[in-house]
Amino acid sequence: MAETPEVKATAATPKAAPAKEKAPKPEDKPFGEFIETEYLPALQKSLTNRGVTGLSLQFVKALVPVQGLGDTQCSQVIGIWGDREFRVYFPKDDINATKGFSYTEKGGRHSTFEPFLIDERKATLDLLVTAVALRLRAQKWIERN
């Protein structure tokens, strides 16, 4: 009787599926790119959906127009419609760092430099958009309550 070679049974070892790469969060983009490509369009859409018409939004590095701040310059999102203007300030080019807010109406002086989202440890696109809408609502500029 001829010997047959022993065949070892090998169980196919299931390979772990490669981990799906998570899509990068919008907030992970570089600051300027995030503001231009994510924040401005989302803010425009949100405020338009709340009845704001003729809104112009821009992202600039400019002097802060609040009395007492001297020659302070920083990145700002400026929203203008009609005779109303608001600004969101980013003293450091980082959405998670200190932020500020001011507004003016009918070409008057800007309000004081108000701290903005100071209790939030991690800013998200939705949070930044919603916070502006809530601040404008509190000013009774949108969605009168």
N, C-alpha and C. Protein backbone atom coordinates (compact mmCIF):
# COMPACT_ATOMS: atom_id res chain seq x y z
N MET A 1 0.85 -1.15 0.00
CA MET A 1 0.00 0.00 0.00
C MET A 1 0.90 1.22 0.00
N ALA A 2 0.63 2.06 -0.93
CA ALA A 2 1.46 3.26 -1.05
C ALA A 2 0.99 4.29 -0.05
N GLU A 3 1.96 4.88 0.53
CA GLU A 3 1.59 5.90 1.50
C GLU A 3 1.24 7.18 0.79
N THR A 4 0.19 7.75 1.22
CA THR A 4 -0.21 9.05 0.65
C THR A 4 0.34 10.14 1.54
N PRO A 5 0.80 11.18 0.90
CA PRO A 5 1.34 12.27 1.73
C PRO A 5 0.23 12.85 2.59
N GLU A 6 0.62 13.16 3.77
CA GLU A 6 -0.35 13.71 4.72
C GLU A 6 -0.67 15.15 4.32
N VAL A 7 -1.91 15.41 4.20
CA VAL A 7 -2.35 16.76 3.84
C VAL A 7 -2.85 17.41 5.12
N LYS A 8 -2.26 18.50 5.44
CA LYS A 8 -2.69 19.20 6.64
C LYS A 8 -3.82 20.14 6.28
N ALA A 9 -4.81 20.05 7.04
CA ALA A 9 -5.94 20.96 6.82
C ALA A 9 -5.59 22.30 7.46
N THR A 10 -5.70 23.31 6.68
CA THR A 10 -5.45 24.65 7.23
C THR A 10 -6.73 25.45 7.13
N ALA A 11 -7.08 25.96 8.21
CA ALA A 11 -8.28 26.80 8.22
C ALA A 11 -7.88 28.17 7.70
N ALA A 12 -8.64 28.64 6.80
CA ALA A 12 -8.35 29.98 6.26
C ALA A 12 -8.55 30.98 7.39
N THR A 13 -7.52 31.71 7.66
CA THR A 13 -7.60 32.71 8.72
C THR A 13 -8.29 33.93 8.14
N PRO A 14 -9.44 34.28 8.70
CA PRO A 14 -10.12 35.45 8.15
C PRO A 14 -9.31 36.70 8.46
N LYS A 15 -9.09 37.48 7.44
CA LYS A 15 -8.35 38.72 7.62
C LYS A 15 -9.33 39.81 8.03
N ALA A 16 -8.89 40.61 8.94
CA ALA A 16 -9.73 41.72 9.38
C ALA A 16 -9.87 42.71 8.22
N ALA A 17 -11.08 43.13 8.04
CA ALA A 17 -11.32 44.11 6.97
C ALA A 17 -10.56 45.39 7.31
N PRO A 18 -9.98 46.01 6.31
CA PRO A 18 -9.25 47.24 6.60
C PRO A 18 -10.21 48.28 7.18
N ALA A 19 -9.71 48.97 8.17
CA ALA A 19 -10.56 49.99 8.81
C ALA A 19 -10.94 51.05 7.79
N LYS A 20 -12.20 51.40 7.84
CA LYS A 20 -12.67 52.44 6.92
C LYS A 20 -12.08 53.77 7.36
N GLU A 21 -11.55 54.47 6.41
CA GLU A 21 -11.01 55.78 6.75
C GLU A 21 -12.17 56.74 6.94
N LYS A 22 -12.11 57.41 8.06
CA LYS A 22 -13.16 58.39 8.33
C LYS A 22 -12.90 59.62 7.49
N ALA A 23 -13.96 60.15 6.95
CA ALA A 23 -13.82 61.38 6.20
C ALA A 23 -13.38 62.47 7.17
N PRO A 24 -12.45 63.31 6.74
CA PRO A 24 -12.00 64.36 7.66
C PRO A 24 -13.16 65.30 7.98
N LYS A 25 -13.18 65.76 9.20
CA LYS A 25 -14.21 66.71 9.62
C LYS A 25 -13.91 68.06 9.00
N PRO A 26 -14.94 68.83 8.69
CA PRO A 26 -14.69 70.17 8.14
C PRO A 26 -13.79 71.00 9.05
N GLU A 27 -13.96 70.81 10.36
CA GLU A 27 -13.18 71.60 11.33
C GLU A 27 -11.70 71.25 11.33
N ASP A 28 -11.33 70.14 10.68
CA ASP A 28 -9.93 69.74 10.61
C ASP A 28 -9.17 70.44 9.49
N LYS A 29 -9.90 71.16 8.65
CA LYS A 29 -9.25 71.90 7.56
C LYS A 29 -8.45 73.05 8.15
N PRO A 30 -7.46 73.53 7.41
CA PRO A 30 -6.75 74.73 7.86
C PRO A 30 -7.74 75.87 8.07
N PHE A 31 -7.45 76.74 9.03
CA PHE A 31 -8.37 77.79 9.45
C PHE A 31 -8.98 78.57 8.28
N GLY A 32 -8.16 79.17 7.44
CA GLY A 32 -8.68 79.98 6.34
C GLY A 32 -9.54 79.20 5.38
N GLU A 33 -9.12 77.99 5.07
CA GLU A 33 -9.89 77.13 4.17
C GLU A 33 -11.23 76.77 4.79
N PHE A 34 -11.23 76.45 6.08
CA PHE A 34 -12.47 76.13 6.78
C PHE A 34 -13.45 77.30 6.71
N ILE A 35 -12.97 78.51 7.02
CA ILE A 35 -13.84 79.68 7.01
C ILE A 35 -14.41 79.90 5.61
N GLU A 36 -13.56 79.88 4.60
CA GLU A 36 -13.99 80.16 3.22
C GLU A 36 -14.90 79.09 2.64
N THR A 37 -14.53 77.82 2.82
CA THR A 37 -15.26 76.75 2.12
C THR A 37 -16.38 76.11 2.93
N GLU A 38 -16.34 76.25 4.25
CA GLU A 38 -17.35 75.61 5.08
C GLU A 38 -18.23 76.62 5.83
N TYR A 39 -17.58 77.50 6.58
CA TYR A 39 -18.32 78.39 7.48
C TYR A 39 -19.14 79.44 6.73
N LEU A 40 -18.54 80.15 5.81
CA LEU A 40 -19.30 81.20 5.10
C LEU A 40 -20.52 80.63 4.37
N PRO A 41 -20.37 79.55 3.58
CA PRO A 41 -21.57 79.00 2.91
C PRO A 41 -22.64 78.51 3.90
N ALA A 42 -22.21 77.86 4.99
CA ALA A 42 -23.18 77.35 5.97
C ALA A 42 -23.88 78.49 6.69
N LEU A 43 -23.15 79.55 7.02
CA LEU A 43 -23.75 80.71 7.68
C LEU A 43 -24.72 81.42 6.74
N GLN A 44 -24.32 81.58 5.49
CA GLN A 44 -25.19 82.20 4.48
C GLN A 44 -26.50 81.43 4.37
N LYS A 45 -26.40 80.12 4.25
CA LYS A 45 -27.60 79.27 4.12
C LYS A 45 -28.48 79.37 5.36
N SER A 46 -27.88 79.30 6.53
CA SER A 46 -28.64 79.34 7.77
C SER A 46 -29.39 80.66 7.93
N LEU A 47 -28.72 81.77 7.68
CA LEU A 47 -29.37 83.07 7.85
C LEU A 47 -30.42 83.33 6.76
N THR A 48 -30.15 82.86 5.55
CA THR A 48 -31.14 82.99 4.48
C THR A 48 -32.39 82.20 4.83
N ASN A 49 -32.21 81.00 5.38
CA ASN A 49 -33.35 80.17 5.80
C ASN A 49 -34.13 80.81 6.94
N ARG A 50 -33.52 81.74 7.65
CA ARG A 50 -34.18 82.46 8.74
C ARG A 50 -34.75 83.80 8.28
N GLY A 51 -34.78 84.02 6.98
CA GLY A 51 -35.43 85.20 6.43
C GLY A 51 -34.53 86.39 6.12
N VAL A 52 -33.23 86.24 6.29
CA VAL A 52 -32.31 87.34 5.97
C VAL A 52 -32.13 87.38 4.45
N THR A 53 -32.36 88.54 3.87
CA THR A 53 -32.16 88.69 2.43
C THR A 53 -31.10 89.76 2.16
N GLY A 54 -30.40 89.59 1.07
CA GLY A 54 -29.38 90.56 0.69
C GLY A 54 -28.14 90.53 1.58
N LEU A 55 -27.87 89.39 2.18
CA LEU A 55 -26.73 89.26 3.09
C LEU A 55 -25.43 89.13 2.32
N SER A 56 -24.45 89.92 2.70
CA SER A 56 -23.11 89.84 2.15
C SER A 56 -22.18 89.37 3.27
N LEU A 57 -21.47 88.28 3.03
CA LEU A 57 -20.51 87.77 4.01
C LEU A 57 -19.11 87.83 3.41
N GLN A 58 -18.16 88.23 4.24
CA GLN A 58 -16.78 88.22 3.78
C GLN A 58 -15.86 87.83 4.92
N PHE A 59 -14.71 87.31 4.55
CA PHE A 59 -13.69 86.90 5.51
C PHE A 59 -12.47 87.77 5.25
N VAL A 60 -12.07 88.54 6.26
CA VAL A 60 -10.97 89.48 6.10
C VAL A 60 -10.07 89.47 7.34
N LYS A 61 -8.91 90.03 7.17
CA LYS A 61 -8.03 90.33 8.30
C LYS A 61 -8.04 91.86 8.35
N ALA A 62 -8.57 92.42 9.44
CA ALA A 62 -8.76 93.87 9.52
C ALA A 62 -8.68 94.34 10.96
N LEU A 63 -8.65 95.65 11.11
CA LEU A 63 -8.68 96.25 12.44
C LEU A 63 -10.03 95.97 13.09
N VAL A 64 -10.03 95.82 14.38
CA VAL A 64 -11.27 95.62 15.13
C VAL A 64 -11.89 97.00 15.34
N PRO A 65 -13.12 97.23 14.85
CA PRO A 65 -13.72 98.56 14.92
C PRO A 65 -14.41 98.89 16.25
N VAL A 66 -13.90 98.35 17.34
CA VAL A 66 -14.50 98.58 18.64
C VAL A 66 -13.62 99.58 19.39
N GLN A 67 -14.27 100.62 19.90
CA GLN A 67 -13.54 101.66 20.61
C GLN A 67 -12.77 101.08 21.78
N GLY A 68 -11.53 101.52 21.93
CA GLY A 68 -10.69 101.08 23.03
C GLY A 68 -9.76 99.93 22.70
N LEU A 69 -9.90 99.35 21.51
CA LEU A 69 -9.03 98.24 21.16
C LEU A 69 -7.84 98.69 20.30
N GLY A 70 -7.75 99.99 20.05
CA GLY A 70 -6.59 100.53 19.35
C GLY A 70 -6.37 99.93 17.98
N ASP A 71 -5.12 99.52 17.75
CA ASP A 71 -4.74 98.98 16.44
C ASP A 71 -4.79 97.46 16.40
N THR A 72 -5.72 96.87 17.12
CA THR A 72 -5.85 95.42 17.15
C THR A 72 -6.38 94.94 15.81
N GLN A 73 -5.68 94.00 15.21
CA GLN A 73 -6.07 93.45 13.93
C GLN A 73 -6.22 91.94 14.08
N CYS A 74 -7.24 91.38 13.43
CA CYS A 74 -7.42 89.93 13.48
C CYS A 74 -8.32 89.48 12.34
N SER A 75 -8.44 88.17 12.19
CA SER A 75 -9.34 87.59 11.19
C SER A 75 -10.77 87.81 11.64
N GLN A 76 -11.62 88.15 10.67
CA GLN A 76 -13.02 88.46 10.98
C GLN A 76 -13.94 87.95 9.88
N VAL A 77 -15.11 87.53 10.29
CA VAL A 77 -16.20 87.26 9.35
C VAL A 77 -17.15 88.43 9.52
N ILE A 78 -17.40 89.13 8.42
CA ILE A 78 -18.26 90.31 8.45
C ILE A 78 -19.52 90.00 7.67
N GLY A 79 -20.65 90.23 8.31
CA GLY A 79 -21.95 90.05 7.67
C GLY A 79 -22.65 91.39 7.59
N ILE A 80 -23.09 91.76 6.38
CA ILE A 80 -23.79 93.03 6.18
C ILE A 80 -25.06 92.77 5.39
N TRP A 81 -26.16 93.32 5.88
CA TRP A 81 -27.39 93.37 5.08
C TRP A 81 -28.15 94.60 5.52
N GLY A 82 -28.59 95.34 4.52
CA GLY A 82 -29.28 96.60 4.81
C GLY A 82 -28.36 97.50 5.61
N ASP A 83 -28.88 98.05 6.70
CA ASP A 83 -28.07 98.95 7.53
C ASP A 83 -27.52 98.24 8.76
N ARG A 84 -27.45 96.92 8.71
CA ARG A 84 -26.97 96.12 9.84
C ARG A 84 -25.65 95.44 9.49
N GLU A 85 -24.80 95.37 10.49
CA GLU A 85 -23.52 94.69 10.32
C GLU A 85 -23.16 93.96 11.60
N PHE A 86 -22.67 92.74 11.45
CA PHE A 86 -22.13 92.00 12.60
C PHE A 86 -20.76 91.47 12.21
N ARG A 87 -19.96 91.22 13.23
CA ARG A 87 -18.63 90.66 13.01
C ARG A 87 -18.35 89.56 14.03
N VAL A 88 -17.75 88.49 13.54
CA VAL A 88 -17.26 87.42 14.39
C VAL A 88 -15.73 87.50 14.29
N TYR A 89 -15.09 87.64 15.44
CA TYR A 89 -13.64 87.85 15.49
C TYR A 89 -12.92 86.57 15.89
N PHE A 90 -11.79 86.35 15.25
CA PHE A 90 -10.90 85.24 15.57
C PHE A 90 -9.51 85.82 15.82
N PRO A 91 -9.23 86.27 17.07
CA PRO A 91 -7.92 86.88 17.35
C PRO A 91 -6.74 85.96 17.03
N LYS A 92 -6.94 84.65 17.21
CA LYS A 92 -5.95 83.66 16.77
C LYS A 92 -6.62 82.92 15.63
N ASP A 93 -5.89 82.59 14.62
CA ASP A 93 -6.48 81.89 13.48
C ASP A 93 -6.75 80.43 13.85
N ASP A 94 -7.73 80.27 14.74
CA ASP A 94 -8.06 78.95 15.27
C ASP A 94 -9.52 79.01 15.75
N ILE A 95 -10.36 78.13 15.22
CA ILE A 95 -11.77 78.18 15.60
C ILE A 95 -12.01 77.75 17.04
N ASN A 96 -11.03 77.08 17.65
CA ASN A 96 -11.19 76.65 19.05
C ASN A 96 -10.60 77.64 20.05
N ALA A 97 -9.99 78.69 19.56
CA ALA A 97 -9.42 79.71 20.45
C ALA A 97 -10.49 80.76 20.78
N THR A 98 -10.09 81.77 21.52
CA THR A 98 -10.99 82.85 21.89
C THR A 98 -11.63 83.47 20.65
N LYS A 99 -12.92 83.77 20.77
CA LYS A 99 -13.65 84.41 19.68
C LYS A 99 -14.41 85.61 20.25
N GLY A 100 -14.76 86.54 19.38
CA GLY A 100 -15.53 87.70 19.82
C GLY A 100 -16.62 88.02 18.83
N PHE A 101 -17.49 88.93 19.23
CA PHE A 101 -18.64 89.32 18.40
C PHE A 101 -18.92 90.79 18.65
N SER A 102 -19.32 91.51 17.59
CA SER A 102 -19.82 92.87 17.75
C SER A 102 -20.83 93.13 16.64
N TYR A 103 -21.58 94.19 16.79
CA TYR A 103 -22.60 94.53 15.78
C TYR A 103 -22.77 96.05 15.75
N THR A 104 -23.36 96.51 14.67
CA THR A 104 -23.71 97.91 14.55
C THR A 104 -24.93 98.02 13.64
N GLU A 105 -25.60 99.13 13.78
CA GLU A 105 -26.79 99.38 12.98
C GLU A 105 -26.78 100.83 12.53
N LYS A 106 -27.18 101.06 11.30
CA LYS A 106 -27.29 102.40 10.74
C LYS A 106 -25.97 103.17 10.79
N GLY A 107 -24.86 102.46 10.57
CA GLY A 107 -23.56 103.11 10.50
C GLY A 107 -23.02 103.62 11.82
N GLY A 108 -23.64 103.26 12.92
CA GLY A 108 -23.18 103.72 14.23
C GLY A 108 -21.93 102.98 14.68
N ARG A 109 -21.52 103.26 15.91
CA ARG A 109 -20.37 102.58 16.48
C ARG A 109 -20.70 101.11 16.72
N HIS A 110 -19.66 100.30 16.66
CA HIS A 110 -19.85 98.89 16.99
C HIS A 110 -20.08 98.75 18.48
N SER A 111 -20.85 97.74 18.82
CA SER A 111 -21.07 97.43 20.24
C SER A 111 -19.72 97.07 20.86
N THR A 112 -19.72 96.78 22.11
CA THR A 112 -18.50 96.33 22.74
C THR A 112 -18.06 95.00 22.14
N PHE A 113 -16.82 94.68 22.33
CA PHE A 113 -16.28 93.39 21.89
C PHE A 113 -16.78 92.34 22.88
N GLU A 114 -17.76 91.57 22.45
CA GLU A 114 -18.36 90.57 23.34
C GLU A 114 -17.64 89.24 23.20
N PRO A 115 -17.33 88.58 24.31
CA PRO A 115 -16.82 87.21 24.21
C PRO A 115 -17.87 86.35 23.52
N PHE A 116 -17.43 85.41 22.73
CA PHE A 116 -18.34 84.62 21.91
C PHE A 116 -17.95 83.15 22.02
N LEU A 117 -18.88 82.31 22.43
CA LEU A 117 -18.66 80.87 22.60
C LEU A 117 -17.50 80.58 23.54
N ILE A 118 -17.48 81.23 24.67
CA ILE A 118 -16.34 81.10 25.58
C ILE A 118 -16.36 79.81 26.39
N ASP A 119 -17.50 79.18 26.53
CA ASP A 119 -17.58 77.96 27.33
C ASP A 119 -17.40 76.68 26.53
N GLU A 120 -17.26 76.82 25.23
CA GLU A 120 -17.15 75.65 24.38
C GLU A 120 -15.70 75.25 24.21
N ARG A 121 -15.41 73.99 24.50
CA ARG A 121 -14.04 73.51 24.38
C ARG A 121 -13.68 73.18 22.94
N LYS A 122 -14.65 72.69 22.19
CA LYS A 122 -14.40 72.27 20.81
C LYS A 122 -15.48 72.89 19.93
N ALA A 123 -15.07 73.77 19.04
CA ALA A 123 -16.03 74.41 18.14
C ALA A 123 -16.27 73.51 16.93
N THR A 124 -17.52 73.43 16.55
CA THR A 124 -17.89 72.69 15.34
C THR A 124 -18.53 73.67 14.37
N LEU A 125 -18.63 73.25 13.13
CA LEU A 125 -19.27 74.10 12.12
C LEU A 125 -20.69 74.44 12.54
N ASP A 126 -21.46 73.45 12.95
CA ASP A 126 -22.85 73.69 13.35
C ASP A 126 -22.93 74.64 14.55
N LEU A 127 -22.05 74.47 15.50
CA LEU A 127 -22.05 75.34 16.67
C LEU A 127 -21.75 76.79 16.28
N LEU A 128 -20.75 76.99 15.44
CA LEU A 128 -20.39 78.35 15.03
C LEU A 128 -21.53 79.02 14.26
N VAL A 129 -22.21 78.28 13.43
CA VAL A 129 -23.33 78.82 12.66
C VAL A 129 -24.52 79.12 13.57
N THR A 130 -24.89 78.16 14.39
CA THR A 130 -26.03 78.33 15.29
C THR A 130 -25.81 79.47 16.28
N ALA A 131 -24.60 79.61 16.77
CA ALA A 131 -24.31 80.66 17.75
C ALA A 131 -24.51 82.05 17.15
N VAL A 132 -24.13 82.26 15.90
CA VAL A 132 -24.37 83.56 15.26
C VAL A 132 -25.86 83.79 15.11
N ALA A 133 -26.58 82.78 14.67
CA ALA A 133 -28.03 82.92 14.51
C ALA A 133 -28.69 83.25 15.85
N LEU A 134 -28.29 82.57 16.91
CA LEU A 134 -28.86 82.85 18.22
C LEU A 134 -28.52 84.26 18.69
N ARG A 135 -27.31 84.70 18.41
CA ARG A 135 -26.90 86.05 18.83
C ARG A 135 -27.70 87.11 18.06
N LEU A 136 -27.92 86.90 16.78
CA LEU A 136 -28.72 87.84 15.98
C LEU A 136 -30.19 87.80 16.38
N ARG A 137 -30.65 86.64 16.79
CA ARG A 137 -32.03 86.52 17.28
C ARG A 137 -32.17 87.29 18.59
N ALA A 138 -31.18 87.18 19.46
CA ALA A 138 -31.22 87.92 20.73
C ALA A 138 -31.23 89.42 20.48
N GLN A 139 -30.59 89.84 19.39
CA GLN A 139 -30.57 91.25 19.02
C GLN A 139 -31.89 91.66 18.36
N LYS A 140 -32.76 90.67 18.12
CA LYS A 140 -34.04 90.84 17.45
C LYS A 140 -33.89 91.29 15.99
N TRP A 141 -32.81 90.84 15.38
CA TRP A 141 -32.59 91.12 13.97
C TRP A 141 -33.20 90.03 13.10
N ILE A 142 -33.37 88.85 13.64
CA ILE A 142 -33.99 87.74 12.90
C ILE A 142 -34.98 87.05 13.84
N GLU A 143 -35.91 86.33 13.25
CA GLU A 143 -36.88 85.52 14.01
C GLU A 143 -37.36 86.22 15.27
N ARG A 144 -37.98 87.32 15.08
CA ARG A 144 -38.44 88.11 16.26
C ARG A 144 -39.23 87.24 17.21
N ASN A 145 -38.91 87.40 18.50
CA ASN A 145 -39.60 86.60 19.52
C ASN A 145 -40.45 87.49 20.39
